[in-house]
Amino acid sequence: MGGAVPEPGEAASVLPGMGALRRVLVVEDDDFISADIACTLDESGFNVAGTAQSLGAAMRFVRDNTGQFDCALVDIDLGGESCQPLAASLDGLNVPYLLVTAHSEDVVRELGFRAPVIEKPFQAVQLSNRLSGLFVREPQEA
């Protein structure tokens, strides 16, 4: 699931269009947190392509809007439902995503997720950096 974000100082190349406004799907079951994240993303130069507060709504958004968003920010626990089906769908579409959780990264790994994780609470700059990192990749061998 999702690619790893390079550590500071690691060599990486930028995907074409990195400067373009990135369209983000926000999947968060708490309305207040969702609105706060959307505002933070907007202020950080991202475009919120849509929001979903449940697994079903997120799955419908992905199905109906394929190609209309560049990445997703996904709460791991959506009102008691695991985001696992959504993660599998995003993986199948090669859409990078960042998992949001109040759990430690170790717990997330034990649940079987391999995508990058950001732990709540987080600062706006952390969120922006982690999302931007989804579009950075290691240089390919010639």
N, C-alpha and C. Protein backbone atom coordinates (compact mmCIF):
# COMPACT_ATOMS: atom_id res chain seq x y z
N MET A 1 0.85 -1.18 0.00
CA MET A 1 0.00 0.00 0.00
C MET A 1 0.88 1.23 0.00
N GLY A 2 0.66 2.16 -0.87
CA GLY A 2 1.35 3.44 -0.93
C GLY A 2 2.86 3.35 -0.82
N GLY A 3 3.55 4.35 -1.29
CA GLY A 3 5.01 4.38 -1.27
C GLY A 3 5.54 5.05 -0.02
N ALA A 4 6.77 4.77 0.28
CA ALA A 4 7.40 5.36 1.45
C ALA A 4 7.86 6.78 1.14
N VAL A 5 7.85 7.61 2.14
CA VAL A 5 8.33 8.98 2.01
C VAL A 5 9.81 8.98 2.31
N PRO A 6 10.65 9.52 1.40
CA PRO A 6 12.09 9.52 1.63
C PRO A 6 12.47 10.29 2.89
N GLU A 7 13.53 9.83 3.54
CA GLU A 7 14.05 10.52 4.71
C GLU A 7 14.81 11.75 4.25
N PRO A 8 14.94 12.78 5.11
CA PRO A 8 15.71 13.96 4.73
C PRO A 8 17.12 13.57 4.30
N GLY A 9 17.59 14.19 3.22
CA GLY A 9 18.92 13.93 2.72
C GLY A 9 19.00 12.79 1.72
N GLU A 10 17.93 11.99 1.59
CA GLU A 10 17.94 10.91 0.61
C GLU A 10 17.75 11.49 -0.79
N ALA A 11 18.41 10.89 -1.77
CA ALA A 11 18.25 11.33 -3.16
C ALA A 11 16.85 10.94 -3.63
N ALA A 12 16.20 11.85 -4.31
CA ALA A 12 14.87 11.57 -4.85
C ALA A 12 14.65 12.47 -6.04
N SER A 13 13.78 12.04 -6.93
CA SER A 13 13.42 12.88 -8.06
C SER A 13 11.96 13.24 -7.94
N VAL A 14 11.57 14.30 -8.58
CA VAL A 14 10.20 14.79 -8.50
C VAL A 14 9.45 14.34 -9.73
N LEU A 15 8.23 13.90 -9.52
CA LEU A 15 7.39 13.51 -10.65
C LEU A 15 7.04 14.74 -11.48
N PRO A 16 6.80 14.57 -12.78
CA PRO A 16 6.40 15.71 -13.60
C PRO A 16 5.15 16.37 -13.02
N GLY A 17 5.11 17.69 -13.08
CA GLY A 17 3.93 18.42 -12.60
C GLY A 17 3.91 18.63 -11.10
N MET A 18 5.02 18.41 -10.41
CA MET A 18 5.05 18.54 -8.95
C MET A 18 4.55 19.90 -8.50
N GLY A 19 4.80 20.95 -9.31
CA GLY A 19 4.36 22.28 -8.92
C GLY A 19 2.87 22.50 -9.10
N ALA A 20 2.22 21.60 -9.80
CA ALA A 20 0.78 21.75 -10.04
C ALA A 20 0.00 21.54 -8.75
N LEU A 21 -1.16 22.16 -8.68
CA LEU A 21 -2.04 22.01 -7.52
C LEU A 21 -2.48 20.55 -7.43
N ARG A 22 -2.20 19.88 -6.34
CA ARG A 22 -2.58 18.48 -6.15
C ARG A 22 -3.99 18.40 -5.61
N ARG A 23 -4.75 17.47 -6.18
CA ARG A 23 -6.15 17.26 -5.78
C ARG A 23 -6.21 16.11 -4.78
N VAL A 24 -6.74 16.40 -3.60
CA VAL A 24 -6.72 15.45 -2.49
C VAL A 24 -8.14 15.05 -2.10
N LEU A 25 -8.37 13.75 -1.96
CA LEU A 25 -9.59 13.23 -1.37
C LEU A 25 -9.33 13.11 0.13
N VAL A 26 -10.20 13.70 0.94
CA VAL A 26 -10.08 13.64 2.40
C VAL A 26 -11.14 12.68 2.92
N VAL A 27 -10.71 11.61 3.59
CA VAL A 27 -11.62 10.62 4.15
C VAL A 27 -11.43 10.62 5.66
N GLU A 28 -12.39 11.20 6.36
CA GLU A 28 -12.31 11.39 7.82
C GLU A 28 -13.73 11.40 8.36
N ASP A 29 -14.02 10.54 9.35
CA ASP A 29 -15.39 10.43 9.85
C ASP A 29 -15.79 11.55 10.81
N ASP A 30 -14.86 12.28 11.35
CA ASP A 30 -15.18 13.39 12.24
C ASP A 30 -15.30 14.67 11.42
N ASP A 31 -16.51 15.26 11.40
CA ASP A 31 -16.78 16.45 10.58
C ASP A 31 -15.84 17.60 10.92
N PHE A 32 -15.59 17.83 12.20
CA PHE A 32 -14.73 18.94 12.62
C PHE A 32 -13.31 18.73 12.11
N ILE A 33 -12.78 17.52 12.30
CA ILE A 33 -11.41 17.23 11.84
C ILE A 33 -11.34 17.31 10.32
N SER A 34 -12.35 16.80 9.64
CA SER A 34 -12.39 16.85 8.18
C SER A 34 -12.34 18.29 7.67
N ALA A 35 -13.15 19.15 8.28
CA ALA A 35 -13.18 20.56 7.87
C ALA A 35 -11.84 21.24 8.17
N ASP A 36 -11.25 20.92 9.31
CA ASP A 36 -9.95 21.49 9.68
C ASP A 36 -8.86 21.04 8.69
N ILE A 37 -8.87 19.76 8.34
CA ILE A 37 -7.89 19.24 7.38
C ILE A 37 -8.09 19.91 6.02
N ALA A 38 -9.34 20.03 5.58
CA ALA A 38 -9.62 20.66 4.28
C ALA A 38 -9.10 22.10 4.26
N CYS A 39 -9.32 22.83 5.33
CA CYS A 39 -8.84 24.22 5.43
C CYS A 39 -7.31 24.25 5.40
N THR A 40 -6.68 23.36 6.15
CA THR A 40 -5.22 23.29 6.19
C THR A 40 -4.66 22.98 4.81
N LEU A 41 -5.28 22.03 4.11
CA LEU A 41 -4.81 21.67 2.77
C LEU A 41 -4.94 22.84 1.82
N ASP A 42 -6.07 23.53 1.89
CA ASP A 42 -6.29 24.69 1.03
C ASP A 42 -5.23 25.76 1.28
N GLU A 43 -4.96 26.03 2.54
CA GLU A 43 -3.96 27.04 2.90
C GLU A 43 -2.54 26.60 2.51
N SER A 44 -2.33 25.30 2.35
CA SER A 44 -1.01 24.77 1.99
C SER A 44 -0.84 24.60 0.48
N GLY A 45 -1.84 25.02 -0.29
CA GLY A 45 -1.72 24.95 -1.75
C GLY A 45 -2.26 23.70 -2.39
N PHE A 46 -2.97 22.88 -1.63
CA PHE A 46 -3.61 21.70 -2.19
C PHE A 46 -5.05 22.05 -2.55
N ASN A 47 -5.64 21.26 -3.42
CA ASN A 47 -7.04 21.42 -3.79
C ASN A 47 -7.80 20.21 -3.24
N VAL A 48 -8.80 20.43 -2.41
CA VAL A 48 -9.59 19.33 -1.87
C VAL A 48 -10.59 18.92 -2.94
N ALA A 49 -10.37 17.73 -3.50
CA ALA A 49 -11.22 17.22 -4.57
C ALA A 49 -12.56 16.74 -4.03
N GLY A 50 -12.59 16.36 -2.77
CA GLY A 50 -13.81 15.89 -2.15
C GLY A 50 -13.53 15.41 -0.75
N THR A 51 -14.61 15.24 0.01
CA THR A 51 -14.50 14.70 1.35
C THR A 51 -15.50 13.56 1.50
N ALA A 52 -15.19 12.63 2.36
CA ALA A 52 -16.09 11.53 2.66
C ALA A 52 -15.98 11.23 4.15
N GLN A 53 -17.13 11.00 4.79
CA GLN A 53 -17.14 10.75 6.23
C GLN A 53 -17.38 9.29 6.58
N SER A 54 -17.52 8.42 5.58
CA SER A 54 -17.73 7.00 5.85
C SER A 54 -17.04 6.16 4.79
N LEU A 55 -16.87 4.89 5.08
CA LEU A 55 -16.26 3.98 4.12
C LEU A 55 -17.09 3.92 2.84
N GLY A 56 -18.41 3.79 2.99
CA GLY A 56 -19.28 3.72 1.81
C GLY A 56 -19.19 4.96 0.95
N ALA A 57 -19.22 6.13 1.58
CA ALA A 57 -19.13 7.38 0.82
C ALA A 57 -17.78 7.50 0.12
N ALA A 58 -16.72 7.06 0.79
CA ALA A 58 -15.39 7.12 0.18
C ALA A 58 -15.30 6.17 -1.01
N MET A 59 -15.83 4.96 -0.87
CA MET A 59 -15.80 3.99 -1.96
C MET A 59 -16.59 4.52 -3.17
N ARG A 60 -17.75 5.14 -2.91
CA ARG A 60 -18.54 5.72 -4.01
C ARG A 60 -17.78 6.86 -4.68
N PHE A 61 -17.13 7.71 -3.88
CA PHE A 61 -16.38 8.83 -4.45
C PHE A 61 -15.27 8.30 -5.36
N VAL A 62 -14.54 7.32 -4.89
CA VAL A 62 -13.44 6.75 -5.69
C VAL A 62 -14.00 6.15 -6.98
N ARG A 63 -15.08 5.41 -6.88
CA ARG A 63 -15.68 4.78 -8.06
C ARG A 63 -16.16 5.83 -9.07
N ASP A 64 -16.80 6.88 -8.57
CA ASP A 64 -17.42 7.88 -9.46
C ASP A 64 -16.46 8.97 -9.91
N ASN A 65 -15.30 9.08 -9.30
CA ASN A 65 -14.38 10.19 -9.59
C ASN A 65 -12.96 9.74 -9.91
N THR A 66 -12.81 8.54 -10.42
CA THR A 66 -11.48 8.04 -10.78
C THR A 66 -10.83 9.02 -11.75
N GLY A 67 -9.60 9.37 -11.47
CA GLY A 67 -8.87 10.32 -12.30
C GLY A 67 -9.11 11.77 -11.93
N GLN A 68 -10.00 12.03 -10.99
CA GLN A 68 -10.33 13.40 -10.59
C GLN A 68 -9.62 13.82 -9.30
N PHE A 69 -8.79 12.93 -8.76
CA PHE A 69 -8.00 13.28 -7.58
C PHE A 69 -6.65 12.58 -7.70
N ASP A 70 -5.63 13.20 -7.12
CA ASP A 70 -4.26 12.73 -7.26
C ASP A 70 -3.78 11.88 -6.10
N CYS A 71 -4.39 12.06 -4.94
CA CYS A 71 -3.99 11.32 -3.75
C CYS A 71 -5.12 11.39 -2.74
N ALA A 72 -4.96 10.65 -1.66
CA ALA A 72 -5.99 10.64 -0.62
C ALA A 72 -5.34 10.70 0.76
N LEU A 73 -6.08 11.27 1.67
CA LEU A 73 -5.73 11.32 3.08
C LEU A 73 -6.82 10.51 3.77
N VAL A 74 -6.47 9.36 4.34
CA VAL A 74 -7.47 8.39 4.80
C VAL A 74 -7.33 8.09 6.28
N ASP A 75 -8.40 8.36 7.04
CA ASP A 75 -8.45 7.97 8.44
C ASP A 75 -8.56 6.45 8.48
N ILE A 76 -7.75 5.82 9.29
CA ILE A 76 -7.70 4.36 9.32
C ILE A 76 -8.97 3.74 9.91
N ASP A 77 -9.64 4.47 10.82
CA ASP A 77 -10.84 3.97 11.48
C ASP A 77 -11.99 4.91 11.15
N LEU A 78 -12.91 4.43 10.32
CA LEU A 78 -14.03 5.27 9.86
C LEU A 78 -15.30 4.87 10.59
N GLY A 79 -15.49 5.45 11.76
CA GLY A 79 -16.69 5.15 12.53
C GLY A 79 -16.81 3.68 12.87
N GLY A 80 -15.69 3.05 13.20
CA GLY A 80 -15.70 1.64 13.55
C GLY A 80 -15.43 0.71 12.38
N GLU A 81 -15.39 1.24 11.17
CA GLU A 81 -15.08 0.43 9.99
C GLU A 81 -13.63 0.66 9.58
N SER A 82 -12.97 -0.42 9.23
CA SER A 82 -11.59 -0.32 8.75
C SER A 82 -11.57 0.27 7.35
N CYS A 83 -10.54 1.03 7.06
CA CYS A 83 -10.38 1.60 5.72
C CYS A 83 -9.75 0.61 4.75
N GLN A 84 -9.55 -0.63 5.18
CA GLN A 84 -8.88 -1.64 4.36
C GLN A 84 -9.46 -1.77 2.94
N PRO A 85 -10.80 -1.85 2.76
CA PRO A 85 -11.33 -1.95 1.39
C PRO A 85 -11.00 -0.71 0.55
N LEU A 86 -11.02 0.45 1.16
CA LEU A 86 -10.67 1.68 0.45
C LEU A 86 -9.19 1.67 0.07
N ALA A 87 -8.34 1.25 1.00
CA ALA A 87 -6.91 1.17 0.72
C ALA A 87 -6.65 0.23 -0.45
N ALA A 88 -7.33 -0.90 -0.48
CA ALA A 88 -7.16 -1.85 -1.58
C ALA A 88 -7.61 -1.24 -2.90
N SER A 89 -8.70 -0.50 -2.87
CA SER A 89 -9.19 0.16 -4.08
C SER A 89 -8.19 1.21 -4.58
N LEU A 90 -7.68 2.02 -3.68
CA LEU A 90 -6.69 3.04 -4.06
C LEU A 90 -5.41 2.39 -4.59
N ASP A 91 -4.99 1.31 -3.94
CA ASP A 91 -3.81 0.58 -4.43
C ASP A 91 -4.05 0.08 -5.85
N GLY A 92 -5.25 -0.46 -6.10
CA GLY A 92 -5.58 -0.98 -7.42
C GLY A 92 -5.57 0.08 -8.50
N LEU A 93 -5.85 1.31 -8.11
CA LEU A 93 -5.85 2.44 -9.05
C LEU A 93 -4.50 3.16 -9.09
N ASN A 94 -3.54 2.69 -8.30
CA ASN A 94 -2.23 3.34 -8.17
C ASN A 94 -2.34 4.78 -7.70
N VAL A 95 -3.28 5.02 -6.79
CA VAL A 95 -3.45 6.35 -6.20
C VAL A 95 -2.73 6.35 -4.85
N PRO A 96 -1.73 7.22 -4.67
CA PRO A 96 -1.03 7.26 -3.39
C PRO A 96 -1.93 7.83 -2.29
N TYR A 97 -1.70 7.35 -1.07
CA TYR A 97 -2.50 7.85 0.04
C TYR A 97 -1.67 7.84 1.32
N LEU A 98 -2.12 8.66 2.24
CA LEU A 98 -1.50 8.81 3.55
C LEU A 98 -2.53 8.41 4.58
N LEU A 99 -2.17 7.49 5.46
CA LEU A 99 -3.08 7.05 6.52
C LEU A 99 -2.99 7.98 7.71
N VAL A 100 -4.14 8.36 8.24
CA VAL A 100 -4.23 9.21 9.42
C VAL A 100 -4.73 8.35 10.57
N THR A 101 -4.06 8.42 11.70
CA THR A 101 -4.46 7.58 12.82
C THR A 101 -4.02 8.18 14.15
N ALA A 102 -4.70 7.80 15.20
CA ALA A 102 -4.28 8.16 16.55
C ALA A 102 -3.39 7.05 17.13
N HIS A 103 -3.27 5.94 16.39
CA HIS A 103 -2.43 4.82 16.81
C HIS A 103 -0.99 5.05 16.38
N SER A 104 -0.09 4.32 16.99
CA SER A 104 1.32 4.41 16.58
C SER A 104 1.49 3.71 15.24
N GLU A 105 2.57 4.04 14.56
CA GLU A 105 2.86 3.42 13.27
C GLU A 105 3.03 1.91 13.43
N ASP A 106 3.57 1.46 14.56
CA ASP A 106 3.73 0.02 14.80
C ASP A 106 2.39 -0.69 14.79
N VAL A 107 1.39 -0.10 15.42
CA VAL A 107 0.05 -0.70 15.45
C VAL A 107 -0.52 -0.76 14.03
N VAL A 108 -0.32 0.29 13.27
CA VAL A 108 -0.81 0.33 11.89
C VAL A 108 -0.16 -0.79 11.07
N ARG A 109 1.12 -1.00 11.25
CA ARG A 109 1.83 -2.07 10.53
C ARG A 109 1.30 -3.44 10.95
N GLU A 110 1.01 -3.61 12.24
CA GLU A 110 0.45 -4.88 12.73
C GLU A 110 -0.91 -5.17 12.10
N LEU A 111 -1.64 -4.13 11.73
CA LEU A 111 -2.94 -4.30 11.08
C LEU A 111 -2.79 -4.64 9.59
N GLY A 112 -1.56 -4.61 9.09
CA GLY A 112 -1.31 -5.01 7.72
C GLY A 112 -1.15 -3.89 6.72
N PHE A 113 -1.18 -2.65 7.18
CA PHE A 113 -1.02 -1.51 6.27
C PHE A 113 0.46 -1.22 6.07
N ARG A 114 0.81 -0.83 4.84
CA ARG A 114 2.19 -0.46 4.54
C ARG A 114 2.31 0.98 4.06
N ALA A 115 1.21 1.66 3.89
CA ALA A 115 1.20 3.05 3.40
C ALA A 115 1.83 3.98 4.44
N PRO A 116 2.29 5.14 3.99
CA PRO A 116 2.81 6.14 4.94
C PRO A 116 1.73 6.53 5.95
N VAL A 117 2.17 6.85 7.15
CA VAL A 117 1.27 7.16 8.26
C VAL A 117 1.60 8.53 8.82
N ILE A 118 0.55 9.27 9.20
CA ILE A 118 0.73 10.48 9.98
C ILE A 118 -0.15 10.32 11.22
N GLU A 119 0.46 10.53 12.39
CA GLU A 119 -0.25 10.33 13.64
C GLU A 119 -0.91 11.62 14.11
N LYS A 120 -2.18 11.49 14.57
CA LYS A 120 -2.90 12.62 15.17
C LYS A 120 -2.35 12.81 16.57
N PRO A 121 -2.24 14.01 17.06
CA PRO A 121 -2.42 15.26 16.31
C PRO A 121 -1.16 15.58 15.51
N PHE A 122 -1.33 16.33 14.45
CA PHE A 122 -0.20 16.71 13.61
C PHE A 122 -0.30 18.19 13.27
N GLN A 123 0.83 18.76 12.90
CA GLN A 123 0.90 20.17 12.51
C GLN A 123 0.65 20.29 11.01
N ALA A 124 0.21 21.46 10.58
CA ALA A 124 -0.09 21.71 9.16
C ALA A 124 1.13 21.44 8.28
N VAL A 125 2.30 21.86 8.73
CA VAL A 125 3.50 21.66 7.92
C VAL A 125 3.83 20.18 7.78
N GLN A 126 3.58 19.40 8.83
CA GLN A 126 3.81 17.95 8.74
C GLN A 126 2.90 17.33 7.69
N LEU A 127 1.63 17.72 7.71
CA LEU A 127 0.66 17.19 6.76
C LEU A 127 1.06 17.54 5.34
N SER A 128 1.39 18.79 5.11
CA SER A 128 1.79 19.24 3.78
C SER A 128 3.03 18.49 3.29
N ASN A 129 4.02 18.36 4.15
CA ASN A 129 5.25 17.66 3.77
C ASN A 129 5.01 16.20 3.46
N ARG A 130 4.21 15.54 4.28
CA ARG A 130 3.93 14.11 4.06
C ARG A 130 3.14 13.90 2.78
N LEU A 131 2.15 14.75 2.52
CA LEU A 131 1.39 14.61 1.27
C LEU A 131 2.27 14.90 0.06
N SER A 132 3.08 15.94 0.14
CA SER A 132 3.99 16.24 -0.96
C SER A 132 4.95 15.08 -1.19
N GLY A 133 5.35 14.42 -0.11
CA GLY A 133 6.25 13.29 -0.21
C GLY A 133 5.68 12.11 -0.97
N LEU A 134 4.36 12.05 -1.08
CA LEU A 134 3.74 10.97 -1.84
C LEU A 134 4.12 11.03 -3.31
N PHE A 135 4.53 12.22 -3.77
CA PHE A 135 4.82 12.41 -5.18
C PHE A 135 6.32 12.45 -5.48
N VAL A 136 7.11 12.04 -4.50
CA VAL A 136 8.57 11.98 -4.66
C VAL A 136 8.94 10.51 -4.78
N ARG A 137 9.83 10.21 -5.71
CA ARG A 137 10.25 8.82 -5.86
C ARG A 137 11.77 8.75 -6.00
N GLU A 138 12.26 7.58 -5.72
CA GLU A 138 13.70 7.34 -5.86
C GLU A 138 14.08 7.41 -7.34
N PRO A 139 15.29 7.90 -7.65
CA PRO A 139 15.72 7.91 -9.05
C PRO A 139 15.82 6.48 -9.58
N GLN A 140 15.44 6.30 -10.84
CA GLN A 140 15.51 4.97 -11.44
C GLN A 140 16.90 4.73 -11.99
N GLU A 141 17.34 3.48 -11.92
CA GLU A 141 18.64 3.09 -12.46
C GLU A 141 18.61 3.22 -13.97
N ALA A 142 19.70 3.70 -14.58
CA ALA A 142 19.76 3.86 -16.04
C ALA A 142 20.11 2.56 -16.72
